[in-house]
Amino acid sequence: MDQKQLWNYFLERKVSLSTPLNRKQVWVKREDFEVVKIYFMKDFNILHPDRSFRSHGYFLHIQCVDQGEYVLVHRDMANHARFFPLIVLHFLLDVLPYMLLAWWKRVSFYSLFTRPQ
């Protein structure tokens, strides 16, 4: 499956959706993620140790974070799992905006990635 097919697969199976910063974050059941897990590589992520997976896209890619019964799925830029120096770009484009949003809203950074009920 390519990136578009994977993203559509997750959208069709979503159980929750949020759109901070106009970026879709979807949650799917863990069983639905397991079906396509072969298209992802395990990733070291300081914010989600031993729970993060990234698709193989070099720049645009999909990140999945195992949150127990559900898996958070979102699109990311600059796949540092493929080329580590991209971590700088990833921080600037994907992490910093959420840090600023959490600061502006005066909420926990992690609350931005909690499944809406």
PDB file of N, CA and C in Angstrom:
ATOM      1  N   MET A   1       0.842  -1.187   0.000  1.00  0.00           N
ATOM      2  CA  MET A   1       0.000   0.000   0.000  1.00  0.00           C
ATOM      3  C   MET A   1       0.884   1.246   0.000  1.00  0.00           C
ATOM      4  N   ASP A   2       0.479   2.243  -0.748  1.00  0.00           N
ATOM      5  CA  ASP A   2       1.233   3.498  -0.725  1.00  0.00           C
ATOM      6  C   ASP A   2       0.653   4.418   0.362  1.00  0.00           C
ATOM      7  N   GLN A   3       1.243   5.600   0.507  1.00  0.00           N
ATOM      8  CA  GLN A   3       0.840   6.535   1.560  1.00  0.00           C
ATOM      9  C   GLN A   3      -0.644   6.911   1.470  1.00  0.00           C
ATOM     10  N   LYS A   4      -1.093   7.189   0.271  1.00  0.00           N
ATOM     11  CA  LYS A   4      -2.488   7.601   0.075  1.00  0.00           C
ATOM     12  C   LYS A   4      -3.446   6.469   0.453  1.00  0.00           C
ATOM     13  N   GLN A   5      -3.139   5.264   0.025  1.00  0.00           N
ATOM     14  CA  GLN A   5      -3.983   4.118   0.354  1.00  0.00           C
ATOM     15  C   GLN A   5      -4.007   3.860   1.859  1.00  0.00           C
ATOM     16  N   LEU A   6      -2.843   3.975   2.492  1.00  0.00           N
ATOM     17  CA  LEU A   6      -2.782   3.794   3.942  1.00  0.00           C
ATOM     18  C   LEU A   6      -3.635   4.848   4.656  1.00  0.00           C
ATOM     19  N   TRP A   7      -3.484   6.108   4.242  1.00  0.00           N
ATOM     20  CA  TRP A   7      -4.241   7.179   4.885  1.00  0.00           C
ATOM     21  C   TRP A   7      -5.744   6.955   4.701  1.00  0.00           C
ATOM     22  N   ASN A   8      -6.165   6.594   3.510  1.00  0.00           N
ATOM     23  CA  ASN A   8      -7.586   6.320   3.259  1.00  0.00           C
ATOM     24  C   ASN A   8      -8.073   5.132   4.084  1.00  0.00           C
ATOM     25  N   TYR A   9      -7.233   4.106   4.223  1.00  0.00           N
ATOM     26  CA  TYR A   9      -7.567   2.948   5.057  1.00  0.00           C
ATOM     27  C   TYR A   9      -7.872   3.406   6.486  1.00  0.00           C
ATOM     28  N   PHE A  10      -7.006   4.264   7.039  1.00  0.00           N
ATOM     29  CA  PHE A  10      -7.205   4.743   8.405  1.00  0.00           C
ATOM     30  C   PHE A  10      -8.443   5.639   8.510  1.00  0.00           C
ATOM     31  N   LEU A  11      -8.660   6.501   7.530  1.00  0.00           N
ATOM     32  CA  LEU A  11      -9.839   7.373   7.558  1.00  0.00           C
ATOM     33  C   LEU A  11     -11.132   6.562   7.545  1.00  0.00           C
ATOM     34  N   GLU A  12     -11.153   5.487   6.769  1.00  0.00           N
ATOM     35  CA  GLU A  12     -12.350   4.641   6.690  1.00  0.00           C
ATOM     36  C   GLU A  12     -12.626   3.910   8.000  1.00  0.00           C
ATOM     37  N   ARG A  13     -11.597   3.667   8.791  1.00  0.00           N
ATOM     38  CA  ARG A  13     -11.744   2.889  10.023  1.00  0.00           C
ATOM     39  C   ARG A  13     -11.641   3.722  11.301  1.00  0.00           C
ATOM     40  N   LYS A  14     -11.649   5.022  11.167  1.00  0.00           N
ATOM     41  CA  LYS A  14     -11.458   5.892  12.337  1.00  0.00           C
ATOM     42  C   LYS A  14     -12.594   5.713  13.341  1.00  0.00           C
ATOM     43  N   VAL A  15     -12.214   5.803  14.620  1.00  0.00           N
ATOM     44  CA  VAL A  15     -13.205   5.795  15.692  1.00  0.00           C
ATOM     45  C   VAL A  15     -13.285   7.179  16.337  1.00  0.00           C
ATOM     46  N   SER A  16     -12.258   7.989  16.144  1.00  0.00           N
ATOM     47  CA  SER A  16     -12.228   9.367  16.645  1.00  0.00           C
ATOM     48  C   SER A  16     -11.402  10.216  15.696  1.00  0.00           C
ATOM     49  N   LEU A  17     -11.674  11.524  15.736  1.00  0.00           N
ATOM     50  CA  LEU A  17     -10.967  12.464  14.877  1.00  0.00           C
ATOM     51  C   LEU A  17     -10.793  13.779  15.626  1.00  0.00           C
ATOM     52  N   SER A  18      -9.613  14.366  15.504  1.00  0.00           N
ATOM     53  CA  SER A  18      -9.416  15.738  15.976  1.00  0.00           C
ATOM     54  C   SER A  18      -8.598  16.461  14.917  1.00  0.00           C
ATOM     55  N   THR A  19      -8.680  17.789  14.942  1.00  0.00           N
ATOM     56  CA  THR A  19      -7.987  18.560  13.910  1.00  0.00           C
ATOM     57  C   THR A  19      -7.259  19.764  14.493  1.00  0.00           C
ATOM     58  N   PRO A  20      -6.323  19.542  15.420  1.00  0.00           N
ATOM     59  CA  PRO A  20      -5.552  20.697  15.891  1.00  0.00           C
ATOM     60  C   PRO A  20      -4.687  21.225  14.748  1.00  0.00           C
ATOM     61  N   LEU A  21      -4.604  22.534  14.659  1.00  0.00           N
ATOM     62  CA  LEU A  21      -3.819  23.189  13.603  1.00  0.00           C
ATOM     63  C   LEU A  21      -4.256  22.765  12.203  1.00  0.00           C
ATOM     64  N   ASN A  22      -5.533  22.416  12.051  1.00  0.00           N
ATOM     65  CA  ASN A  22      -6.079  21.954  10.772  1.00  0.00           C
ATOM     66  C   ASN A  22      -5.366  20.731  10.217  1.00  0.00           C
ATOM     67  N   ARG A  23      -4.817  19.922  11.084  1.00  0.00           N
ATOM     68  CA  ARG A  23      -4.179  18.656  10.682  1.00  0.00           C
ATOM     69  C   ARG A  23      -4.972  17.511  11.287  1.00  0.00           C
ATOM     70  N   LYS A  24      -5.390  16.593  10.447  1.00  0.00           N
ATOM     71  CA  LYS A  24      -6.203  15.480  10.933  1.00  0.00           C
ATOM     72  C   LYS A  24      -5.374  14.508  11.767  1.00  0.00           C
ATOM     73  N   GLN A  25      -5.941  14.175  12.906  1.00  0.00           N
ATOM     74  CA  GLN A  25      -5.424  13.094  13.737  1.00  0.00           C
ATOM     75  C   GLN A  25      -6.576  12.115  13.884  1.00  0.00           C
ATOM     76  N   VAL A  26      -6.342  10.872  13.534  1.00  0.00           N
ATOM     77  CA  VAL A  26      -7.398   9.869  13.652  1.00  0.00           C
ATOM     78  C   VAL A  26      -6.937   8.767  14.589  1.00  0.00           C
ATOM     79  N   TRP A  27      -7.913   8.160  15.234  1.00  0.00           N
ATOM     80  CA  TRP A  27      -7.653   7.011  16.083  1.00  0.00           C
ATOM     81  C   TRP A  27      -8.384   5.834  15.484  1.00  0.00           C
ATOM     82  N   VAL A  28      -7.681   4.715  15.418  1.00  0.00           N
ATOM     83  CA  VAL A  28      -8.271   3.475  14.920  1.00  0.00           C
ATOM     84  C   VAL A  28      -8.078   2.410  15.997  1.00  0.00           C
ATOM     85  N   LYS A  29      -8.866   1.368  15.902  1.00  0.00           N
ATOM     86  CA  LYS A  29      -8.690   0.255  16.833  1.00  0.00           C
ATOM     87  C   LYS A  29      -7.352  -0.408  16.550  1.00  0.00           C
ATOM     88  N   ARG A  30      -6.736  -0.907  17.581  1.00  0.00           N
ATOM     89  CA  ARG A  30      -5.437  -1.555  17.439  1.00  0.00           C
ATOM     90  C   ARG A  30      -5.502  -2.694  16.412  1.00  0.00           C
ATOM     91  N   GLU A  31      -6.609  -3.435  16.387  1.00  0.00           N
ATOM     92  CA  GLU A  31      -6.744  -4.547  15.436  1.00  0.00           C
ATOM     93  C   GLU A  31      -6.651  -4.055  13.993  1.00  0.00           C
ATOM     94  N   ASP A  32      -7.211  -2.887  13.713  1.00  0.00           N
ATOM     95  CA  ASP A  32      -7.151  -2.334  12.358  1.00  0.00           C
ATOM     96  C   ASP A  32      -5.726  -1.919  12.002  1.00  0.00           C
ATOM     97  N   PHE A  33      -4.983  -1.420  12.974  1.00  0.00           N
ATOM     98  CA  PHE A  33      -3.587  -1.069  12.714  1.00  0.00           C
ATOM     99  C   PHE A  33      -2.751  -2.328  12.462  1.00  0.00           C
ATOM    100  N   GLU A  34      -2.998  -3.369  13.213  1.00  0.00           N
ATOM    101  CA  GLU A  34      -2.222  -4.610  13.075  1.00  0.00           C
ATOM    102  C   GLU A  34      -2.270  -5.152  11.645  1.00  0.00           C
ATOM    103  N   VAL A  35      -3.376  -4.939  10.955  1.00  0.00           N
ATOM    104  CA  VAL A  35      -3.540  -5.425   9.578  1.00  0.00           C
ATOM    105  C   VAL A  35      -2.511  -4.780   8.645  1.00  0.00           C
ATOM    106  N   VAL A  36      -2.185  -3.515   8.868  1.00  0.00           N
ATOM    107  CA  VAL A  36      -1.277  -2.788   7.972  1.00  0.00           C
ATOM    108  C   VAL A  36       0.088  -2.503   8.614  1.00  0.00           C
ATOM    109  N   LYS A  37       0.343  -3.062   9.757  1.00  0.00           N
ATOM    110  CA  LYS A  37       1.587  -2.806  10.495  1.00  0.00           C
ATOM    111  C   LYS A  37       2.832  -3.142   9.676  1.00  0.00           C
ATOM    112  N   ILE A  38       2.711  -4.057   8.744  1.00  0.00           N
ATOM    113  CA  ILE A  38       3.858  -4.449   7.915  1.00  0.00           C
ATOM    114  C   ILE A  38       4.379  -3.297   7.057  1.00  0.00           C
ATOM    115  N   TYR A  39       3.564  -2.268   6.863  1.00  0.00           N
ATOM    116  CA  TYR A  39       3.971  -1.113   6.061  1.00  0.00           C
ATOM    117  C   TYR A  39       4.650  -0.030   6.897  1.00  0.00           C
ATOM    118  N   PHE A  40       4.919  -0.319   8.155  1.00  0.00           N
ATOM    119  CA  PHE A  40       5.519   0.654   9.068  1.00  0.00           C
ATOM    120  C   PHE A  40       6.775   0.084   9.703  1.00  0.00           C
ATOM    121  N   MET A  41       7.677   0.990  10.044  1.00  0.00           N
ATOM    122  CA  MET A  41       8.872   0.587  10.780  1.00  0.00           C
ATOM    123  C   MET A  41       8.780   1.149  12.191  1.00  0.00           C
ATOM    124  N   LYS A  42       9.262   0.366  13.146  1.00  0.00           N
ATOM    125  CA  LYS A  42       9.289   0.829  14.528  1.00  0.00           C
ATOM    126  C   LYS A  42      10.247   2.004  14.600  1.00  0.00           C
ATOM    127  N   ASP A  43       9.886   2.988  15.405  1.00  0.00           N
ATOM    128  CA  ASP A  43      10.630   4.231  15.453  1.00  0.00           C
ATOM    129  C   ASP A  43      10.939   4.584  16.897  1.00  0.00           C
ATOM    130  N   PHE A  44      12.129   5.113  17.134  1.00  0.00           N
ATOM    131  CA  PHE A  44      12.423   5.648  18.454  1.00  0.00           C
ATOM    132  C   PHE A  44      11.835   7.052  18.519  1.00  0.00           C
ATOM    133  N   ASN A  45      11.003   7.275  19.501  1.00  0.00           N
ATOM    134  CA  ASN A  45      10.376   8.578  19.669  1.00  0.00           C
ATOM    135  C   ASN A  45      10.430   8.925  21.148  1.00  0.00           C
ATOM    136  N   ILE A  46      11.113   9.998  21.477  1.00  0.00           N
ATOM    137  CA  ILE A  46      11.300  10.377  22.871  1.00  0.00           C
ATOM    138  C   ILE A  46       9.974  10.668  23.577  1.00  0.00           C
ATOM    139  N   LEU A  47       8.977  11.131  22.828  1.00  0.00           N
ATOM    140  CA  LEU A  47       7.679  11.435  23.417  1.00  0.00           C
ATOM    141  C   LEU A  47       6.810  10.198  23.609  1.00  0.00           C
ATOM    142  N   HIS A  48       7.051   9.176  22.809  1.00  0.00           N
ATOM    143  CA  HIS A  48       6.256   7.942  22.866  1.00  0.00           C
ATOM    144  C   HIS A  48       7.190   6.732  22.793  1.00  0.00           C
ATOM    145  N   PRO A  49       8.000   6.507  23.825  1.00  0.00           N
ATOM    146  CA  PRO A  49       8.989   5.417  23.742  1.00  0.00           C
ATOM    147  C   PRO A  49       8.327   4.052  23.515  1.00  0.00           C
ATOM    148  N   ASP A  50       8.898   3.294  22.591  1.00  0.00           N
ATOM    149  CA  ASP A  50       8.464   1.931  22.250  1.00  0.00           C
ATOM    150  C   ASP A  50       7.019   1.834  21.775  1.00  0.00           C
ATOM    151  N   ARG A  51       6.428   2.942  21.314  1.00  0.00           N
ATOM    152  CA  ARG A  51       5.041   2.903  20.863  1.00  0.00           C
ATOM    153  C   ARG A  51       4.847   3.598  19.526  1.00  0.00           C
ATOM    154  N   SER A  52       5.926   3.995  18.880  1.00  0.00           N
ATOM    155  CA  SER A  52       5.814   4.804  17.674  1.00  0.00           C
ATOM    156  C   SER A  52       6.231   4.018  16.436  1.00  0.00           C
ATOM    157  N   PHE A  53       5.487   4.231  15.351  1.00  0.00           N
ATOM    158  CA  PHE A  53       5.765   3.591  14.070  1.00  0.00           C
ATOM    159  C   PHE A  53       5.645   4.644  12.976  1.00  0.00           C
ATOM    160  N   ARG A  54       6.491   4.531  11.956  1.00  0.00           N
ATOM    161  CA  ARG A  54       6.442   5.458  10.826  1.00  0.00           C
ATOM    162  C   ARG A  54       6.395   4.669   9.524  1.00  0.00           C
ATOM    163  N   SER A  55       5.648   5.208   8.569  1.00  0.00           N
ATOM    164  CA  SER A  55       5.641   4.595   7.244  1.00  0.00           C
ATOM    165  C   SER A  55       6.990   4.891   6.591  1.00  0.00           C
ATOM    166  N   HIS A  56       7.215   4.326   5.441  1.00  0.00           N
ATOM    167  CA  HIS A  56       8.536   4.405   4.808  1.00  0.00           C
ATOM    168  C   HIS A  56       8.754   5.651   3.960  1.00  0.00           C
ATOM    169  N   GLY A  57       7.788   6.530   3.904  1.00  0.00           N
ATOM    170  CA  GLY A  57       7.964   7.757   3.127  1.00  0.00           C
ATOM    171  C   GLY A  57       9.168   8.544   3.613  1.00  0.00           C
ATOM    172  N   TYR A  58       9.915   9.099   2.704  1.00  0.00           N
ATOM    173  CA  TYR A  58      11.138   9.817   3.067  1.00  0.00           C
ATOM    174  C   TYR A  58      10.828  11.184   3.671  1.00  0.00           C
ATOM    175  N   PHE A  59      10.008  11.962   3.019  1.00  0.00           N
ATOM    176  CA  PHE A  59       9.660  13.266   3.568  1.00  0.00           C
ATOM    177  C   PHE A  59       8.253  13.225   4.148  1.00  0.00           C
ATOM    178  N   LEU A  60       7.247  13.086   3.315  1.00  0.00           N
ATOM    179  CA  LEU A  60       5.875  12.942   3.804  1.00  0.00           C
ATOM    180  C   LEU A  60       5.659  11.489   4.215  1.00  0.00           C
ATOM    181  N   HIS A  61       5.142  11.293   5.412  1.00  0.00           N
ATOM    182  CA  HIS A  61       4.939   9.938   5.907  1.00  0.00           C
ATOM    183  C   HIS A  61       3.815   9.942   6.939  1.00  0.00           C
ATOM    184  N   ILE A  62       3.444   8.761   7.378  1.00  0.00           N
ATOM    185  CA  ILE A  62       2.394   8.605   8.381  1.00  0.00           C
ATOM    186  C   ILE A  62       3.037   8.087   9.653  1.00  0.00           C
ATOM    187  N   GLN A  63       2.663   8.700  10.764  1.00  0.00           N
ATOM    188  CA  GLN A  63       3.154   8.226  12.054  1.00  0.00           C
ATOM    189  C   GLN A  63       1.981   7.639  12.826  1.00  0.00           C
ATOM    190  N   CYS A  64       2.233   6.530  13.491  1.00  0.00           N
ATOM    191  CA  CYS A  64       1.228   5.872  14.318  1.00  0.00           C
ATOM    192  C   CYS A  64       1.803   5.711  15.720  1.00  0.00           C
ATOM    193  N   VAL A  65       0.978   5.974  16.710  1.00  0.00           N
ATOM    194  CA  VAL A  65       1.400   5.847  18.095  1.00  0.00           C
ATOM    195  C   VAL A  65       0.423   4.928  18.810  1.00  0.00           C
ATOM    196  N   ASP A  66       0.942   3.828  19.298  1.00  0.00           N
ATOM    197  CA  ASP A  66       0.136   2.856  20.029  1.00  0.00           C
ATOM    198  C   ASP A  66      -0.269   3.468  21.366  1.00  0.00           C
ATOM    199  N   GLN A  67      -1.572   3.584  21.579  1.00  0.00           N
ATOM    200  CA  GLN A  67      -2.077   4.148  22.832  1.00  0.00           C
ATOM    201  C   GLN A  67      -2.945   3.134  23.568  1.00  0.00           C
ATOM    202  N   GLY A  68      -2.588   1.867  23.436  1.00  0.00           N
ATOM    203  CA  GLY A  68      -3.345   0.815  24.120  1.00  0.00           C
ATOM    204  C   GLY A  68      -4.377   0.199  23.205  1.00  0.00           C
ATOM    205  N   GLU A  69      -5.649   0.414  23.536  1.00  0.00           N
ATOM    206  CA  GLU A  69      -6.737  -0.139  22.745  1.00  0.00           C
ATOM    207  C   GLU A  69      -6.846   0.531  21.376  1.00  0.00           C
ATOM    208  N   TYR A  70      -6.328   1.773  21.276  1.00  0.00           N
ATOM    209  CA  TYR A  70      -6.398   2.544  20.041  1.00  0.00           C
ATOM    210  C   TYR A  70      -5.006   2.969  19.590  1.00  0.00           C
ATOM    211  N   VAL A  71      -4.919   3.324  18.314  1.00  0.00           N
ATOM    212  CA  VAL A  71      -3.664   3.812  17.734  1.00  0.00           C
ATOM    213  C   VAL A  71      -3.950   5.183  17.128  1.00  0.00           C
ATOM    214  N   LEU A  72      -3.141   6.163  17.525  1.00  0.00           N
ATOM    215  CA  LEU A  72      -3.227   7.509  16.960  1.00  0.00           C
ATOM    216  C   LEU A  72      -2.483   7.515  15.636  1.00  0.00           C
ATOM    217  N   VAL A  73      -3.105   8.054  14.609  1.00  0.00           N
ATOM    218  CA  VAL A  73      -2.512   8.100  13.270  1.00  0.00           C
ATOM    219  C   VAL A  73      -2.558   9.538  12.769  1.00  0.00           C
ATOM    220  N   HIS A  74      -1.427  10.027  12.284  1.00  0.00           N
ATOM    221  CA  HIS A  74      -1.402  11.366  11.697  1.00  0.00           C
ATOM    222  C   HIS A  74      -0.305  11.444  10.652  1.00  0.00           C
ATOM    223  N   ARG A  75      -0.413  12.444   9.799  1.00  0.00           N
ATOM    224  CA  ARG A  75       0.601  12.673   8.772  1.00  0.00           C
ATOM    225  C   ARG A  75       1.696  13.553   9.354  1.00  0.00           C
ATOM    226  N   ASP A  76       2.907  13.279   8.942  1.00  0.00           N
ATOM    227  CA  ASP A  76       4.080  14.013   9.411  1.00  0.00           C
ATOM    228  C   ASP A  76       4.945  14.401   8.227  1.00  0.00           C
ATOM    229  N   MET A  77       5.876  15.293   8.498  1.00  0.00           N
ATOM    230  CA  MET A  77       6.862  15.684   7.492  1.00  0.00           C
ATOM    231  C   MET A  77       8.258  15.381   8.025  1.00  0.00           C
ATOM    232  N   ALA A  78       9.186  15.110   7.127  1.00  0.00           N
ATOM    233  CA  ALA A  78      10.600  14.890   7.450  1.00  0.00           C
ATOM    234  C   ALA A  78      10.781  13.642   8.317  1.00  0.00           C
ATOM    235  N   ASN A  79      10.861  12.501   7.664  1.00  0.00           N
ATOM    236  CA  ASN A  79      10.973  11.210   8.347  1.00  0.00           C
ATOM    237  C   ASN A  79      12.409  10.976   8.825  1.00  0.00           C
ATOM    238  N   HIS A  80      12.681  11.345  10.051  1.00  0.00           N
ATOM    239  CA  HIS A  80      14.035  11.194  10.594  1.00  0.00           C
ATOM    240  C   HIS A  80      14.395   9.741  10.857  1.00  0.00           C
ATOM    241  N   ALA A  81      13.427   8.842  10.800  1.00  0.00           N
ATOM    242  CA  ALA A  81      13.739   7.419  10.909  1.00  0.00           C
ATOM    243  C   ALA A  81      14.464   6.934   9.645  1.00  0.00           C
ATOM    244  N   ARG A  82      14.262   7.624   8.539  1.00  0.00           N
ATOM    245  CA  ARG A  82      14.929   7.287   7.284  1.00  0.00           C
ATOM    246  C   ARG A  82      16.259   8.014   7.125  1.00  0.00           C
ATOM    247  N   PHE A  83      16.343   9.250   7.629  1.00  0.00           N
ATOM    248  CA  PHE A  83      17.562  10.054   7.511  1.00  0.00           C
ATOM    249  C   PHE A  83      17.590  10.996   8.712  1.00  0.00           C
ATOM    250  N   PHE A  84      18.406  10.658   9.700  1.00  0.00           N
ATOM    251  CA  PHE A  84      18.351  11.309  11.000  1.00  0.00           C
ATOM    252  C   PHE A  84      18.463  12.840  10.976  1.00  0.00           C
ATOM    253  N   PRO A  85      19.281  13.451  10.116  1.00  0.00           N
ATOM    254  CA  PRO A  85      19.338  14.919  10.126  1.00  0.00           C
ATOM    255  C   PRO A  85      17.991  15.603   9.858  1.00  0.00           C
ATOM    256  N   LEU A  86      17.043  14.879   9.299  1.00  0.00           N
ATOM    257  CA  LEU A  86      15.711  15.452   9.079  1.00  0.00           C
ATOM    258  C   LEU A  86      14.985  15.746  10.391  1.00  0.00           C
ATOM    259  N   ILE A  87      15.559  15.313  11.509  1.00  0.00           N
ATOM    260  CA  ILE A  87      14.928  15.557  12.805  1.00  0.00           C
ATOM    261  C   ILE A  87      14.771  17.061  13.075  1.00  0.00           C
ATOM    262  N   VAL A  88      15.682  17.857  12.559  1.00  0.00           N
ATOM    263  CA  VAL A  88      15.595  19.308  12.743  1.00  0.00           C
ATOM    264  C   VAL A  88      14.356  19.847  12.031  1.00  0.00           C
ATOM    265  N   LEU A  89      14.179  19.459  10.787  1.00  0.00           N
ATOM    266  CA  LEU A  89      12.999  19.877  10.030  1.00  0.00           C
ATOM    267  C   LEU A  89      11.723  19.353  10.675  1.00  0.00           C
ATOM    268  N   HIS A  90      11.758  18.106  11.108  1.00  0.00           N
ATOM    269  CA  HIS A  90      10.592  17.500  11.755  1.00  0.00           C
ATOM    270  C   HIS A  90      10.213  18.302  13.003  1.00  0.00           C
ATOM    271  N   PHE A  91      11.199  18.679  13.786  1.00  0.00           N
ATOM    272  CA  PHE A  91      10.927  19.463  14.981  1.00  0.00           C
ATOM    273  C   PHE A  91      10.270  20.798  14.620  1.00  0.00           C
ATOM    274  N   LEU A  92      10.835  21.476  13.638  1.00  0.00           N
ATOM    275  CA  LEU A  92      10.313  22.788  13.254  1.00  0.00           C
ATOM    276  C   LEU A  92       8.914  22.721  12.641  1.00  0.00           C
ATOM    277  N   LEU A  93       8.642  21.698  11.847  1.00  0.00           N
ATOM    278  CA  LEU A  93       7.378  21.610  11.117  1.00  0.00           C
ATOM    279  C   LEU A  93       6.271  20.869  11.860  1.00  0.00           C
ATOM    280  N   ASP A  94       6.649  19.887  12.686  1.00  0.00           N
ATOM    281  CA  ASP A  94       5.638  19.021  13.296  1.00  0.00           C
ATOM    282  C   ASP A  94       5.569  19.102  14.815  1.00  0.00           C
ATOM    283  N   VAL A  95       6.647  19.373  15.476  1.00  0.00           N
ATOM    284  CA  VAL A  95       6.635  19.368  16.941  1.00  0.00           C
ATOM    285  C   VAL A  95       6.432  20.779  17.499  1.00  0.00           C
ATOM    286  N   LEU A  96       7.233  21.713  17.052  1.00  0.00           N
ATOM    287  CA  LEU A  96       7.172  23.079  17.575  1.00  0.00           C
ATOM    288  C   LEU A  96       5.781  23.713  17.453  1.00  0.00           C
ATOM    289  N   PRO A  97       5.085  23.567  16.319  1.00  0.00           N
ATOM    290  CA  PRO A  97       3.746  24.157  16.243  1.00  0.00           C
ATOM    291  C   PRO A  97       2.800  23.636  17.334  1.00  0.00           C
ATOM    292  N   TYR A  98       2.890  22.352  17.665  1.00  0.00           N
ATOM    293  CA  TYR A  98       2.045  21.793  18.718  1.00  0.00           C
ATOM    294  C   TYR A  98       2.483  22.272  20.102  1.00  0.00           C
ATOM    295  N   MET A  99       3.785  22.441  20.292  1.00  0.00           N
ATOM    296  CA  MET A  99       4.266  22.979  21.563  1.00  0.00           C
ATOM    297  C   MET A  99       3.737  24.396  21.764  1.00  0.00           C
ATOM    298  N   LEU A 100       3.774  25.190  20.703  1.00  0.00           N
ATOM    299  CA  LEU A 100       3.268  26.558  20.782  1.00  0.00           C
ATOM    300  C   LEU A 100       1.752  26.582  20.999  1.00  0.00           C
ATOM    301  N   LEU A 101       1.021  25.684  20.352  1.00  0.00           N
ATOM    302  CA  LEU A 101      -0.419  25.594  20.538  1.00  0.00           C
ATOM    303  C   LEU A 101      -0.755  25.245  21.987  1.00  0.00           C
ATOM    304  N   ALA A 102      -0.052  24.274  22.548  1.00  0.00           N
ATOM    305  CA  ALA A 102      -0.283  23.883  23.945  1.00  0.00           C
ATOM    306  C   ALA A 102       0.010  25.056  24.877  1.00  0.00           C
ATOM    307  N   TRP A 103       1.088  25.770  24.601  1.00  0.00           N
ATOM    308  CA  TRP A 103       1.437  26.931  25.423  1.00  0.00           C
ATOM    309  C   TRP A 103       0.360  28.011  25.312  1.00  0.00           C
ATOM    310  N   TRP A 104      -0.083  28.285  24.091  1.00  0.00           N
ATOM    311  CA  TRP A 104      -1.083  29.328  23.846  1.00  0.00           C
ATOM    312  C   TRP A 104      -2.414  28.976  24.518  1.00  0.00           C
ATOM    313  N   LYS A 105      -2.805  27.691  24.431  1.00  0.00           N
ATOM    314  CA  LYS A 105      -4.072  27.261  25.038  1.00  0.00           C
ATOM    315  C   LYS A 105      -3.936  26.960  26.532  1.00  0.00           C
ATOM    316  N   ARG A 106      -2.709  26.953  27.007  1.00  0.00           N
ATOM    317  CA  ARG A 106      -2.412  26.633  28.406  1.00  0.00           C
ATOM    318  C   ARG A 106      -2.911  25.238  28.783  1.00  0.00           C
ATOM    319  N   VAL A 107      -2.567  24.276  27.924  1.00  0.00           N
ATOM    320  CA  VAL A 107      -2.909  22.875  28.168  1.00  0.00           C
ATOM    321  C   VAL A 107      -1.638  22.037  28.070  1.00  0.00           C
ATOM    322  N   SER A 108      -1.725  20.840  28.533  1.00  0.00           N
ATOM    323  CA  SER A 108      -0.606  19.909  28.431  1.00  0.00           C
ATOM    324  C   SER A 108      -0.343  19.573  26.960  1.00  0.00           C
ATOM    325  N   PHE A 109       0.931  19.491  26.605  1.00  0.00           N
ATOM    326  CA  PHE A 109       1.312  19.091  25.249  1.00  0.00           C
ATOM    327  C   PHE A 109       0.686  17.745  24.902  1.00  0.00           C
ATOM    328  N   TYR A 110       0.724  16.807  25.852  1.00  0.00           N
ATOM    329  CA  TYR A 110       0.194  15.466  25.605  1.00  0.00           C
ATOM    330  C   TYR A 110      -1.325  15.456  25.433  1.00  0.00           C
ATOM    331  N   SER A 111      -1.999  16.444  25.990  1.00  0.00           N
ATOM    332  CA  SER A 111      -3.457  16.489  25.847  1.00  0.00           C
ATOM    333  C   SER A 111      -3.869  16.693  24.379  1.00  0.00           C
ATOM    334  N   LEU A 112      -2.979  17.246  23.579  1.00  0.00           N
ATOM    335  CA  LEU A 112      -3.289  17.435  22.160  1.00  0.00           C
ATOM    336  C   LEU A 112      -3.341  16.125  21.397  1.00  0.00           C
ATOM    337  N   PHE A 113      -2.820  15.062  22.019  1.00  0.00           N
ATOM    338  CA  PHE A 113      -2.762  13.761  21.360  1.00  0.00           C
ATOM    339  C   PHE A 113      -3.600  12.719  22.085  1.00  0.00           C
ATOM    340  N   THR A 114      -4.543  13.188  22.900  1.00  0.00           N
ATOM    341  CA  THR A 114      -5.436  12.300  23.623  1.00  0.00           C
ATOM    342  C   THR A 114      -6.704  12.105  22.811  1.00  0.00           C
ATOM    343  N   ARG A 115      -7.160  10.883  22.731  1.00  0.00           N
ATOM    344  CA  ARG A 115      -8.340  10.564  21.924  1.00  0.00           C
ATOM    345  C   ARG A 115      -9.579  11.263  22.463  1.00  0.00           C
ATOM    346  N   PRO A 116     -10.275  12.017  21.601  1.00  0.00           N
ATOM    347  CA  PRO A 116     -11.530  12.642  22.040  1.00  0.00           C
ATOM    348  C   PRO A 116     -12.586  11.563  22.297  1.00  0.00           C
ATOM    349  N   GLN A 117     -13.371  11.777  23.295  1.00  0.00           N
ATOM    350  CA  GLN A 117     -14.417  10.801  23.651  1.00  0.00           C
ATOM    351  C   GLN A 117     -15.702  11.060  22.912  1.00  0.00           C
TER     352      GLN A 117
END
